Amino acid sequence: MKILITGGFGFLGSRLAEYFINQNYDVTLASRSCRKLTGNLSGVNFFRVNWSDQKNINEMIHNQDVVIHAAGINARNCLDNPNAANSFNIDITPKLIQALDSAVTPNFFFLSTIHVYGNQLSGLITEDSETFDYHPYASSNLAAEKFINKFNFPNKMKTNVFRLVNNFGYPAFPNKDCWSLVVNDLCLQAIANKKMVINGGGEDLRDFMPIEMLCKIFDDFILGKIHSLNHSTYNICSSNSLSIMDVAKKIQFFCLKELNFKPQIITMKAPNKELVSNFTIKSKLQNLSKYNFDKFFDQELLGLLKFCDQKKDYLNQTTS
């Protein structure tokens, strides 16, 4: 099976590529810039894409069985430059869709975000919940989603919008942006400083998704092992809500058990659970509960800590 991943050198794209290569798929990473592929990505193909050239985009997706559109601007950079975020998703996505319309590609995936439901989640969140475009990251993704969902594909291509929760894990390719993710940041702090500083009180809840679990869900979906009920938009979630403090304590436990030290946990504010909104995210994908979340979470967290420990000198330079 041939799989193309746009934004292939990004945090999610590179980990998906690493996983699919290990499953013996024929993987191509597409990016605007050339980079040397080494280590676990050494068996990946590379395509240099020019998003302003429709012919180049058509060539990129030629003969691909699966296209995963992971290219885009992260939440922090969207806030810094909302015009660039909107421009990318609103201008680039239609060009990719136009190319797919004339190609024979059975599966197309657009990676969106759970933040389309708002910054402060509360109650039960499903694919039918109301969406909000208050944040540039959410608005740019919603704009792309709407274009994809209203497009009529005569070639019977299956389009899938995956709304992702808070992913975490080690990067398969050097990626400075991934260390702004809360779990990645806490792991790096624990290894580099022997302490973890939490900006708030640590009571805020998140639905965290280990990237290895995301990759497995992707693979099973492509192979038809997950029943999708003929929808096109799915929440990719664990349906577990953990607090930042819960995660910090897990990191503390693994550091003591595996690395023989216990990092201090420091909160910048006193916890106030009265301000915390409880929520549960559900998905229309069937059988997501079959994945052992606790096992995936612990394995990903331990792998991330060991990655930070092995590369701490390099990481201290690149994140300072």
C-alpha atoms as a PDB file:
ATOM      1  CA  MET A   1       0.000   0.000   0.000  1.00  0.00           C
ATOM      2  CA  LYS A   2       1.239   3.468  -0.939  1.00  0.00           C
ATOM      3  CA  ILE A   3       0.733   6.204   1.643  1.00  0.00           C
ATOM      4  CA  LEU A   4       1.470   9.901   1.129  1.00  0.00           C
ATOM      5  CA  ILE A   5       1.799  12.198   4.163  1.00  0.00           C
ATOM      6  CA  THR A   6       1.874  15.957   3.662  1.00  0.00           C
ATOM      7  CA  GLY A   7       3.651  17.903   6.371  1.00  0.00           C
ATOM      8  CA  GLY A   8       5.772  14.802   6.622  1.00  0.00           C
ATOM      9  CA  PHE A   9       8.540  16.368   8.684  1.00  0.00           C
ATOM     10  CA  GLY A  10       6.110  17.652  11.299  1.00  0.00           C
ATOM     11  CA  PHE A  11       5.535  16.029  14.666  1.00  0.00           C
ATOM     12  CA  LEU A  12       2.515  13.933  13.682  1.00  0.00           C
ATOM     13  CA  GLY A  13       3.523  13.331  10.082  1.00  0.00           C
ATOM     14  CA  SER A  14       6.938  11.917  10.926  1.00  0.00           C
ATOM     15  CA  ARG A  15       5.614   9.604  13.633  1.00  0.00           C
ATOM     16  CA  LEU A  16       2.922   8.286  11.293  1.00  0.00           C
ATOM     17  CA  ALA A  17       5.619   7.709   8.665  1.00  0.00           C
ATOM     18  CA  GLU A  18       7.810   5.849  11.145  1.00  0.00           C
ATOM     19  CA  TYR A  19       4.904   3.608  12.118  1.00  0.00           C
ATOM     20  CA  PHE A  20       3.782   2.852   8.560  1.00  0.00           C
ATOM     21  CA  ILE A  21       7.331   2.068   7.445  1.00  0.00           C
ATOM     22  CA  ASN A  22       7.526  -0.495  10.239  1.00  0.00           C
ATOM     23  CA  GLN A  23       4.325  -2.034   8.840  1.00  0.00           C
ATOM     24  CA  ASN A  24       6.076  -2.390   5.451  1.00  0.00           C
ATOM     25  CA  TYR A  25       3.978   0.233   3.655  1.00  0.00           C
ATOM     26  CA  ASP A  26       5.412   2.308   0.819  1.00  0.00           C
ATOM     27  CA  VAL A  27       5.535   5.751   2.475  1.00  0.00           C
ATOM     28  CA  THR A  28       6.198   9.145   0.858  1.00  0.00           C
ATOM     29  CA  LEU A  29       6.705  12.322   2.872  1.00  0.00           C
ATOM     30  CA  ALA A  30       5.776  15.580   1.161  1.00  0.00           C
ATOM     31  CA  SER A  31       7.243  18.872   2.302  1.00  0.00           C
ATOM     32  CA  ARG A  32       8.178  22.277   0.934  1.00  0.00           C
ATOM     33  CA  SER A  33      11.759  21.871   2.164  1.00  0.00           C
ATOM     34  CA  CYS A  34      14.309  19.126   1.567  1.00  0.00           C
ATOM     35  CA  ARG A  35      15.771  17.371   4.574  1.00  0.00           C
ATOM     36  CA  LYS A  36      17.977  14.375   5.092  1.00  0.00           C
ATOM     37  CA  LEU A  37      16.068  11.251   6.054  1.00  0.00           C
ATOM     38  CA  THR A  38      17.963   9.165   8.597  1.00  0.00           C
ATOM     39  CA  GLY A  39      17.355   6.572  11.294  1.00  0.00           C
ATOM     40  CA  ASN A  40      13.829   5.173  11.395  1.00  0.00           C
ATOM     41  CA  LEU A  41      12.831   7.349   8.421  1.00  0.00           C
ATOM     42  CA  SER A  42      15.660   6.246   6.142  1.00  0.00           C
ATOM     43  CA  GLY A  43      13.333   3.971   4.149  1.00  0.00           C
ATOM     44  CA  VAL A  44      10.827   6.740   3.389  1.00  0.00           C
ATOM     45  CA  ASN A  45      10.397   8.374  -0.033  1.00  0.00           C
ATOM     46  CA  PHE A  46      10.461  12.157  -0.316  1.00  0.00           C
ATOM     47  CA  PHE A  47       8.515  14.541  -2.551  1.00  0.00           C
ATOM     48  CA  ARG A  48       9.214  18.269  -2.581  1.00  0.00           C
ATOM     49  CA  VAL A  49       5.859  19.965  -2.965  1.00  0.00           C
ATOM     50  CA  ASN A  50       5.194  23.412  -4.349  1.00  0.00           C
ATOM     51  CA  TRP A  51       1.734  24.350  -3.075  1.00  0.00           C
ATOM     52  CA  SER A  52       1.435  27.136  -5.653  1.00  0.00           C
ATOM     53  CA  ASP A  53       1.866  24.704  -8.570  1.00  0.00           C
ATOM     54  CA  GLN A  54      -1.232  22.575  -9.283  1.00  0.00           C
ATOM     55  CA  LYS A  55       0.675  20.324 -11.681  1.00  0.00           C
ATOM     56  CA  ASN A  56       3.234  19.594  -8.957  1.00  0.00           C
ATOM     57  CA  ILE A  57       0.434  18.741  -6.495  1.00  0.00           C
ATOM     58  CA  ASN A  58      -1.194  16.435  -9.056  1.00  0.00           C
ATOM     59  CA  GLU A  59       2.127  14.655  -9.522  1.00  0.00           C
ATOM     60  CA  MET A  60       2.551  14.305  -5.759  1.00  0.00           C
ATOM     61  CA  ILE A  61      -0.604  12.246  -5.258  1.00  0.00           C
ATOM     62  CA  HIS A  62      -0.307  10.176  -8.443  1.00  0.00           C
ATOM     63  CA  ASN A  63      -0.800   6.444  -7.749  1.00  0.00           C
ATOM     64  CA  GLN A  64      -1.170   6.911  -3.984  1.00  0.00           C
ATOM     65  CA  ASP A  65      -3.627   4.648  -2.152  1.00  0.00           C
ATOM     66  CA  VAL A  66      -3.890   6.830   0.943  1.00  0.00           C
ATOM     67  CA  VAL A  67      -3.273  10.569   1.358  1.00  0.00           C
ATOM     68  CA  ILE A  68      -2.924  11.974   4.882  1.00  0.00           C
ATOM     69  CA  HIS A  69      -3.011  15.764   4.939  1.00  0.00           C
ATOM     70  CA  ALA A  70      -1.011  16.647   8.060  1.00  0.00           C
ATOM     71  CA  ALA A  71       0.500  19.870   6.729  1.00  0.00           C
ATOM     72  CA  GLY A  72      -0.522  23.001   8.551  1.00  0.00           C
ATOM     73  CA  ILE A  73       0.334  25.553  11.213  1.00  0.00           C
ATOM     74  CA  ASN A  74       0.287  24.571  14.883  1.00  0.00           C
ATOM     75  CA  ALA A  75      -1.891  26.231  17.526  1.00  0.00           C
ATOM     76  CA  ARG A  76       0.806  28.501  18.939  1.00  0.00           C
ATOM     77  CA  ASN A  77       1.913  29.786  15.526  1.00  0.00           C
ATOM     78  CA  CYS A  78      -1.736  30.238  14.480  1.00  0.00           C
ATOM     79  CA  LEU A  79      -2.155  32.635  17.370  1.00  0.00           C
ATOM     80  CA  ASP A  80       0.980  34.545  16.353  1.00  0.00           C
ATOM     81  CA  ASN A  81      -0.013  34.715  12.696  1.00  0.00           C
ATOM     82  CA  PRO A  82      -3.740  33.979  12.163  1.00  0.00           C
ATOM     83  CA  ASN A  83      -3.696  35.257   8.580  1.00  0.00           C
ATOM     84  CA  ALA A  84      -1.052  32.713   7.611  1.00  0.00           C
ATOM     85  CA  ALA A  85      -3.051  29.930   9.277  1.00  0.00           C
ATOM     86  CA  ASN A  86      -6.249  30.800   7.432  1.00  0.00           C
ATOM     87  CA  SER A  87      -4.409  31.316   4.183  1.00  0.00           C
ATOM     88  CA  PHE A  88      -2.792  27.888   4.331  1.00  0.00           C
ATOM     89  CA  ASN A  89      -5.893  25.835   5.096  1.00  0.00           C
ATOM     90  CA  ILE A  90      -8.250  27.897   2.955  1.00  0.00           C
ATOM     91  CA  ASP A  91      -5.918  28.164  -0.063  1.00  0.00           C
ATOM     92  CA  ILE A  92      -3.957  24.904   0.043  1.00  0.00           C
ATOM     93  CA  THR A  93      -6.682  22.411   0.923  1.00  0.00           C
ATOM     94  CA  PRO A  94      -8.803  23.204  -2.186  1.00  0.00           C
ATOM     95  CA  LYS A  95      -5.747  22.666  -4.403  1.00  0.00           C
ATOM     96  CA  LEU A  96      -5.145  19.272  -2.831  1.00  0.00           C
ATOM     97  CA  ILE A  97      -8.835  18.376  -3.157  1.00  0.00           C
ATOM     98  CA  GLN A  98      -8.778  19.397  -6.824  1.00  0.00           C
ATOM     99  CA  ALA A  99      -5.875  17.031  -7.424  1.00  0.00           C
ATOM    100  CA  LEU A 100      -7.603  14.209  -5.554  1.00  0.00           C
ATOM    101  CA  ASP A 101     -10.770  14.733  -7.580  1.00  0.00           C
ATOM    102  CA  SER A 102      -9.000  13.653 -10.743  1.00  0.00           C
ATOM    103  CA  ALA A 103      -6.943  10.886  -9.134  1.00  0.00           C
ATOM    104  CA  VAL A 104      -7.747   7.355  -8.048  1.00  0.00           C
ATOM    105  CA  THR A 105      -7.081   7.585  -4.311  1.00  0.00           C
ATOM    106  CA  PRO A 106      -9.365   5.375  -2.180  1.00  0.00           C
ATOM    107  CA  ASN A 107      -8.716   7.140   1.135  1.00  0.00           C
ATOM    108  CA  PHE A 108      -8.085  10.779   2.063  1.00  0.00           C
ATOM    109  CA  PHE A 109      -7.570  11.982   5.640  1.00  0.00           C
ATOM    110  CA  PHE A 110      -7.546  15.551   6.889  1.00  0.00           C
ATOM    111  CA  LEU A 111      -6.078  16.008  10.363  1.00  0.00           C
ATOM    112  CA  SER A 112      -8.150  18.567  12.223  1.00  0.00           C
ATOM    113  CA  THR A 113      -8.374  19.346  15.935  1.00  0.00           C
ATOM    114  CA  ILE A 114     -10.675  18.778  18.881  1.00  0.00           C
ATOM    115  CA  HIS A 115     -10.336  22.507  19.581  1.00  0.00           C
ATOM    116  CA  VAL A 116     -13.078  23.163  17.020  1.00  0.00           C
ATOM    117  CA  TYR A 117     -15.442  22.515  19.964  1.00  0.00           C
ATOM    118  CA  GLY A 118     -13.968  25.449  21.867  1.00  0.00           C
ATOM    119  CA  ASN A 119     -11.101  26.130  24.250  1.00  0.00           C
ATOM    120  CA  GLN A 120     -13.004  25.189  27.415  1.00  0.00           C
ATOM    121  CA  LEU A 121     -14.638  21.794  26.890  1.00  0.00           C
ATOM    122  CA  SER A 122     -17.568  20.813  29.082  1.00  0.00           C
ATOM    123  CA  GLY A 123     -20.008  17.921  29.278  1.00  0.00           C
ATOM    124  CA  LEU A 124     -20.315  15.300  26.544  1.00  0.00           C
ATOM    125  CA  ILE A 125     -18.523  16.118  23.287  1.00  0.00           C
ATOM    126  CA  THR A 126     -19.491  14.211  20.141  1.00  0.00           C
ATOM    127  CA  GLU A 127     -19.094  14.872  16.428  1.00  0.00           C
ATOM    128  CA  ASP A 128     -22.571  16.441  16.537  1.00  0.00           C
ATOM    129  CA  SER A 129     -21.595  18.991  19.212  1.00  0.00           C
ATOM    130  CA  GLU A 130     -21.576  22.672  18.304  1.00  0.00           C
ATOM    131  CA  THR A 131     -18.313  24.005  16.880  1.00  0.00           C
ATOM    132  CA  PHE A 132     -16.724  27.388  17.512  1.00  0.00           C
ATOM    133  CA  ASP A 133     -14.173  29.399  15.548  1.00  0.00           C
ATOM    134  CA  TYR A 134     -12.954  31.758  18.280  1.00  0.00           C
ATOM    135  CA  HIS A 135      -9.319  30.667  17.987  1.00  0.00           C
ATOM    136  CA  PRO A 136      -7.393  30.966  14.666  1.00  0.00           C
ATOM    137  CA  TYR A 137      -6.321  27.328  14.986  1.00  0.00           C
ATOM    138  CA  ALA A 138      -9.947  26.223  15.211  1.00  0.00           C
ATOM    139  CA  SER A 139     -11.253  28.596  12.537  1.00  0.00           C
ATOM    140  CA  SER A 140      -8.641  27.594   9.949  1.00  0.00           C
ATOM    141  CA  ASN A 141      -9.301  23.890  10.517  1.00  0.00           C
ATOM    142  CA  LEU A 142     -13.074  24.380  10.394  1.00  0.00           C
ATOM    143  CA  ALA A 143     -12.754  26.231   7.091  1.00  0.00           C
ATOM    144  CA  ALA A 144     -10.839  23.310   5.594  1.00  0.00           C
ATOM    145  CA  GLU A 145     -13.291  20.785   7.056  1.00  0.00           C
ATOM    146  CA  LYS A 146     -16.284  22.560   5.529  1.00  0.00           C
ATOM    147  CA  PHE A 147     -14.676  22.674   2.103  1.00  0.00           C
ATOM    148  CA  ILE A 148     -13.838  18.966   2.216  1.00  0.00           C
ATOM    149  CA  ASN A 149     -17.278  17.904   3.456  1.00  0.00           C
ATOM    150  CA  LYS A 150     -19.216  19.887   0.843  1.00  0.00           C
ATOM    151  CA  PHE A 151     -17.093  18.742  -2.098  1.00  0.00           C
ATOM    152  CA  ASN A 152     -18.757  16.120  -4.303  1.00  0.00           C
ATOM    153  CA  PHE A 153     -16.256  13.397  -5.240  1.00  0.00           C
ATOM    154  CA  PRO A 154     -17.539  11.491  -8.288  1.00  0.00           C
ATOM    155  CA  ASN A 155     -14.659   8.979  -8.085  1.00  0.00           C
ATOM    156  CA  LYS A 156     -16.007   7.391  -4.853  1.00  0.00           C
ATOM    157  CA  MET A 157     -12.983   8.420  -2.840  1.00  0.00           C
ATOM    158  CA  LYS A 158     -13.592   8.166   0.912  1.00  0.00           C
ATOM    159  CA  THR A 159     -12.845  11.421   2.707  1.00  0.00           C
ATOM    160  CA  ASN A 160     -12.202  11.371   6.435  1.00  0.00           C
ATOM    161  CA  VAL A 161     -11.789  14.253   8.860  1.00  0.00           C
ATOM    162  CA  PHE A 162      -9.995  13.196  12.047  1.00  0.00           C
ATOM    163  CA  ARG A 163     -10.406  15.647  14.937  1.00  0.00           C
ATOM    164  CA  LEU A 164      -7.412  14.915  17.124  1.00  0.00           C
ATOM    165  CA  VAL A 165      -7.114  15.422  20.868  1.00  0.00           C
ATOM    166  CA  ASN A 166      -3.881  16.256  22.752  1.00  0.00           C
ATOM    167  CA  ASN A 167      -1.260  13.985  21.213  1.00  0.00           C
ATOM    168  CA  PHE A 168       2.105  13.403  22.850  1.00  0.00           C
ATOM    169  CA  GLY A 169       5.235  11.329  22.332  1.00  0.00           C
ATOM    170  CA  TYR A 170       8.812  11.443  21.113  1.00  0.00           C
ATOM    171  CA  PRO A 171       9.491  13.072  17.715  1.00  0.00           C
ATOM    172  CA  ALA A 172      10.646  10.786  14.912  1.00  0.00           C
ATOM    173  CA  PHE A 173      12.288  13.784  13.253  1.00  0.00           C
ATOM    174  CA  PRO A 174      13.865  16.813  15.021  1.00  0.00           C
ATOM    175  CA  ASN A 175      10.952  19.110  15.808  1.00  0.00           C
ATOM    176  CA  LYS A 176      11.278  22.105  18.094  1.00  0.00           C
ATOM    177  CA  ASP A 177       7.550  22.864  18.155  1.00  0.00           C
ATOM    178  CA  CYS A 178       6.614  19.541  19.768  1.00  0.00           C
ATOM    179  CA  TRP A 179       8.216  20.603  23.069  1.00  0.00           C
ATOM    180  CA  SER A 180       5.470  23.173  23.602  1.00  0.00           C
ATOM    181  CA  LEU A 181       2.992  20.282  24.049  1.00  0.00           C
ATOM    182  CA  VAL A 182       2.226  19.924  27.737  1.00  0.00           C
ATOM    183  CA  VAL A 183       3.261  16.271  28.231  1.00  0.00           C
ATOM    184  CA  ASN A 184       6.384  16.656  26.098  1.00  0.00           C
ATOM    185  CA  ASP A 185       7.287  19.837  27.972  1.00  0.00           C
ATOM    186  CA  LEU A 186       6.871  18.196  31.394  1.00  0.00           C
ATOM    187  CA  CYS A 187       9.028  15.220  30.376  1.00  0.00           C
ATOM    188  CA  LEU A 188      11.758  17.486  29.057  1.00  0.00           C
ATOM    189  CA  GLN A 189      11.649  19.601  32.228  1.00  0.00           C
ATOM    190  CA  ALA A 190      11.878  16.488  34.397  1.00  0.00           C
ATOM    191  CA  ILE A 191      14.980  15.215  32.594  1.00  0.00           C
ATOM    192  CA  ALA A 192      16.729  18.556  32.049  1.00  0.00           C
ATOM    193  CA  ASN A 193      15.936  20.296  35.344  1.00  0.00           C
ATOM    194  CA  LYS A 194      14.974  17.460  37.713  1.00  0.00           C
ATOM    195  CA  LYS A 195      11.755  19.368  38.327  1.00  0.00           C
ATOM    196  CA  MET A 196       8.487  20.159  36.548  1.00  0.00           C
ATOM    197  CA  VAL A 197       6.976  23.637  36.714  1.00  0.00           C
ATOM    198  CA  ILE A 198       3.226  23.748  35.992  1.00  0.00           C
ATOM    199  CA  ASN A 199       2.014  27.231  35.044  1.00  0.00           C
ATOM    200  CA  GLY A 200      -1.343  26.824  36.770  1.00  0.00           C
ATOM    201  CA  GLY A 201      -2.474  24.644  39.627  1.00  0.00           C
ATOM    202  CA  GLY A 202      -2.388  21.428  37.612  1.00  0.00           C
ATOM    203  CA  GLU A 203      -6.121  20.755  37.868  1.00  0.00           C
ATOM    204  CA  ASP A 204      -6.949  21.397  34.188  1.00  0.00           C
ATOM    205  CA  LEU A 205      -8.241  18.306  32.384  1.00  0.00           C
ATOM    206  CA  ARG A 206      -7.209  17.012  28.964  1.00  0.00           C
ATOM    207  CA  ASP A 207      -7.972  14.029  26.764  1.00  0.00           C
ATOM    208  CA  PHE A 208      -4.463  12.824  25.939  1.00  0.00           C
ATOM    209  CA  MET A 209      -3.671  10.494  23.063  1.00  0.00           C
ATOM    210  CA  PRO A 210      -0.346   8.589  22.871  1.00  0.00           C
ATOM    211  CA  ILE A 211       0.889   8.881  19.291  1.00  0.00           C
ATOM    212  CA  GLU A 212       1.526   5.144  19.002  1.00  0.00           C
ATOM    213  CA  MET A 213      -2.158   4.581  19.782  1.00  0.00           C
ATOM    214  CA  LEU A 214      -3.133   7.159  17.142  1.00  0.00           C
ATOM    215  CA  CYS A 215      -0.956   5.343  14.592  1.00  0.00           C
ATOM    216  CA  LYS A 216      -2.576   2.005  15.433  1.00  0.00           C
ATOM    217  CA  ILE A 217      -6.070   3.498  15.086  1.00  0.00           C
ATOM    218  CA  PHE A 218      -5.064   4.958  11.702  1.00  0.00           C
ATOM    219  CA  ASP A 219      -3.739   1.620  10.490  1.00  0.00           C
ATOM    220  CA  ASP A 220      -6.799  -0.319  11.631  1.00  0.00           C
ATOM    221  CA  PHE A 221      -9.121   2.249  10.012  1.00  0.00           C
ATOM    222  CA  ILE A 222      -7.290   2.006   6.679  1.00  0.00           C
ATOM    223  CA  LEU A 223      -7.448  -1.792   6.811  1.00  0.00           C
ATOM    224  CA  GLY A 224     -11.162  -1.737   7.634  1.00  0.00           C
ATOM    225  CA  LYS A 225     -10.740  -3.164  11.146  1.00  0.00           C
ATOM    226  CA  ILE A 226     -12.731  -0.312  12.708  1.00  0.00           C
ATOM    227  CA  HIS A 227     -16.398   0.084  11.853  1.00  0.00           C
ATOM    228  CA  SER A 228     -17.016   3.693  10.829  1.00  0.00           C
ATOM    229  CA  LEU A 229     -20.818   3.780  10.287  1.00  0.00           C
ATOM    230  CA  ASN A 230     -20.369   5.694   7.001  1.00  0.00           C
ATOM    231  CA  HIS A 231     -19.664   9.032   8.637  1.00  0.00           C
ATOM    232  CA  SER A 232     -16.869  11.298   7.444  1.00  0.00           C
ATOM    233  CA  THR A 233     -15.874  13.241  10.577  1.00  0.00           C
ATOM    234  CA  TYR A 234     -14.555  11.483  13.647  1.00  0.00           C
ATOM    235  CA  ASN A 235     -13.210  12.422  17.052  1.00  0.00           C
ATOM    236  CA  ILE A 236     -10.004  10.467  17.602  1.00  0.00           C
ATOM    237  CA  CYS A 237      -9.940  10.347  21.376  1.00  0.00           C
ATOM    238  CA  SER A 238      -9.244   8.168  24.376  1.00  0.00           C
ATOM    239  CA  SER A 239     -12.445   9.253  26.212  1.00  0.00           C
ATOM    240  CA  ASN A 240     -10.252   9.568  29.323  1.00  0.00           C
ATOM    241  CA  SER A 241      -9.796  12.892  31.093  1.00  0.00           C
ATOM    242  CA  LEU A 242      -6.528  13.328  32.995  1.00  0.00           C
ATOM    243  CA  SER A 243      -5.390  16.408  34.856  1.00  0.00           C
ATOM    244  CA  ILE A 244      -2.000  18.015  34.247  1.00  0.00           C
ATOM    245  CA  MET A 245      -1.122  17.030  37.822  1.00  0.00           C
ATOM    246  CA  ASP A 246      -2.055  13.387  37.101  1.00  0.00           C
ATOM    247  CA  VAL A 247       0.391  13.386  34.196  1.00  0.00           C
ATOM    248  CA  ALA A 248       3.132  15.063  36.252  1.00  0.00           C
ATOM    249  CA  LYS A 249       2.770  12.403  38.947  1.00  0.00           C
ATOM    250  CA  LYS A 250       3.001   9.648  36.336  1.00  0.00           C
ATOM    251  CA  ILE A 251       6.206  11.219  35.015  1.00  0.00           C
ATOM    252  CA  GLN A 252       7.521  11.460  38.562  1.00  0.00           C
ATOM    253  CA  PHE A 253       6.745   7.747  39.101  1.00  0.00           C
ATOM    254  CA  PHE A 254       8.525   6.602  35.924  1.00  0.00           C
ATOM    255  CA  CYS A 255      11.545   8.805  36.598  1.00  0.00           C
ATOM    256  CA  LEU A 256      11.950   7.191  40.010  1.00  0.00           C
ATOM    257  CA  LYS A 257      11.300   3.654  38.756  1.00  0.00           C
ATOM    258  CA  GLU A 258      13.328   3.719  35.534  1.00  0.00           C
ATOM    259  CA  LEU A 259      15.834   6.580  35.885  1.00  0.00           C
ATOM    260  CA  ASN A 260      16.470   6.567  39.641  1.00  0.00           C
ATOM    261  CA  PHE A 261      15.477  10.131  40.483  1.00  0.00           C
ATOM    262  CA  LYS A 262      12.282  11.867  41.567  1.00  0.00           C
ATOM    263  CA  PRO A 263      11.645  15.249  39.920  1.00  0.00           C
ATOM    264  CA  GLN A 264       9.973  17.895  42.023  1.00  0.00           C
ATOM    265  CA  ILE A 265       6.526  19.145  40.963  1.00  0.00           C
ATOM    266  CA  ILE A 266       6.030  22.900  41.307  1.00  0.00           C
ATOM    267  CA  THR A 267       2.714  24.663  40.664  1.00  0.00           C
ATOM    268  CA  MET A 268       2.573  28.400  40.039  1.00  0.00           C
ATOM    269  CA  LYS A 269      -0.949  28.698  41.427  1.00  0.00           C
ATOM    270  CA  ALA A 270      -2.977  26.968  44.104  1.00  0.00           C
ATOM    271  CA  PRO A 271      -5.312  24.370  42.567  1.00  0.00           C
ATOM    272  CA  ASN A 272      -8.954  25.391  42.246  1.00  0.00           C
ATOM    273  CA  LYS A 273     -11.078  22.461  41.142  1.00  0.00           C
ATOM    274  CA  GLU A 274     -14.226  24.594  41.216  1.00  0.00           C
ATOM    275  CA  LEU A 275     -13.028  26.261  38.016  1.00  0.00           C
ATOM    276  CA  VAL A 276     -12.499  22.962  36.185  1.00  0.00           C
ATOM    277  CA  SER A 277     -15.113  21.775  33.698  1.00  0.00           C
ATOM    278  CA  ASN A 278     -15.526  18.019  33.478  1.00  0.00           C
ATOM    279  CA  PHE A 279     -15.934  16.604  29.993  1.00  0.00           C
ATOM    280  CA  THR A 280     -15.926  13.355  28.046  1.00  0.00           C
ATOM    281  CA  ILE A 281     -15.162  13.109  24.340  1.00  0.00           C
ATOM    282  CA  LYS A 282     -16.825  10.294  22.424  1.00  0.00           C
ATOM    283  CA  SER A 283     -16.247   9.073  18.873  1.00  0.00           C
ATOM    284  CA  LYS A 284     -18.519   7.644  16.194  1.00  0.00           C
ATOM    285  CA  LEU A 285     -15.755   5.214  15.375  1.00  0.00           C
ATOM    286  CA  GLN A 286     -16.726   1.887  16.850  1.00  0.00           C
ATOM    287  CA  ASN A 287     -14.519  -0.217  19.121  1.00  0.00           C
ATOM    288  CA  LEU A 288     -12.030   2.476  20.139  1.00  0.00           C
ATOM    289  CA  SER A 289     -12.453   1.075  23.645  1.00  0.00           C
ATOM    290  CA  LYS A 290     -10.640  -2.083  22.506  1.00  0.00           C
ATOM    291  CA  TYR A 291      -7.340  -0.196  22.623  1.00  0.00           C
ATOM    292  CA  ASN A 292      -5.618  -0.492  25.983  1.00  0.00           C
ATOM    293  CA  PHE A 293      -5.248   3.212  26.723  1.00  0.00           C
ATOM    294  CA  ASP A 294      -3.351   2.770  29.990  1.00  0.00           C
ATOM    295  CA  LYS A 295      -0.795   0.500  28.330  1.00  0.00           C
ATOM    296  CA  PHE A 296      -0.315   2.812  25.344  1.00  0.00           C
ATOM    297  CA  PHE A 297      -0.092   5.850  27.643  1.00  0.00           C
ATOM    298  CA  ASP A 298       2.552   4.364  29.923  1.00  0.00           C
ATOM    299  CA  GLN A 299       4.634   2.998  27.029  1.00  0.00           C
ATOM    300  CA  GLU A 300       4.557   6.334  25.183  1.00  0.00           C
ATOM    301  CA  LEU A 301       5.382   8.296  28.336  1.00  0.00           C
ATOM    302  CA  LEU A 302       8.315   6.033  29.195  1.00  0.00           C
ATOM    303  CA  GLY A 303       9.577   6.160  25.604  1.00  0.00           C
ATOM    304  CA  LEU A 304       9.395   9.948  25.679  1.00  0.00           C
ATOM    305  CA  LEU A 305      11.327  10.144  28.947  1.00  0.00           C
ATOM    306  CA  LYS A 306      14.041   7.839  27.633  1.00  0.00           C
ATOM    307  CA  PHE A 307      14.227   9.881  24.425  1.00  0.00           C
ATOM    308  CA  CYS A 308      14.723  13.064  26.469  1.00  0.00           C
ATOM    309  CA  ASP A 309      17.334  11.363  28.635  1.00  0.00           C
ATOM    310  CA  GLN A 310      19.328  10.049  25.671  1.00  0.00           C
ATOM    311  CA  LYS A 311      19.237  13.371  23.794  1.00  0.00           C
ATOM    312  CA  LYS A 312      19.178  15.867  26.664  1.00  0.00           C
ATOM    313  CA  ASP A 313      22.303  17.773  25.587  1.00  0.00           C
ATOM    314  CA  TYR A 314      20.914  18.286  22.076  1.00  0.00           C
ATOM    315  CA  LEU A 315      17.442  19.151  23.379  1.00  0.00           C
ATOM    316  CA  ASN A 316      18.816  21.724  25.821  1.00  0.00           C
ATOM    317  CA  GLN A 317      20.428  23.534  22.882  1.00  0.00           C
ATOM    318  CA  THR A 318      17.446  23.394  20.505  1.00  0.00           C
ATOM    319  CA  THR A 319      14.757  24.373  23.038  1.00  0.00           C
ATOM    320  CA  SER A 320      16.669  27.121  24.875  1.00  0.00           C
END
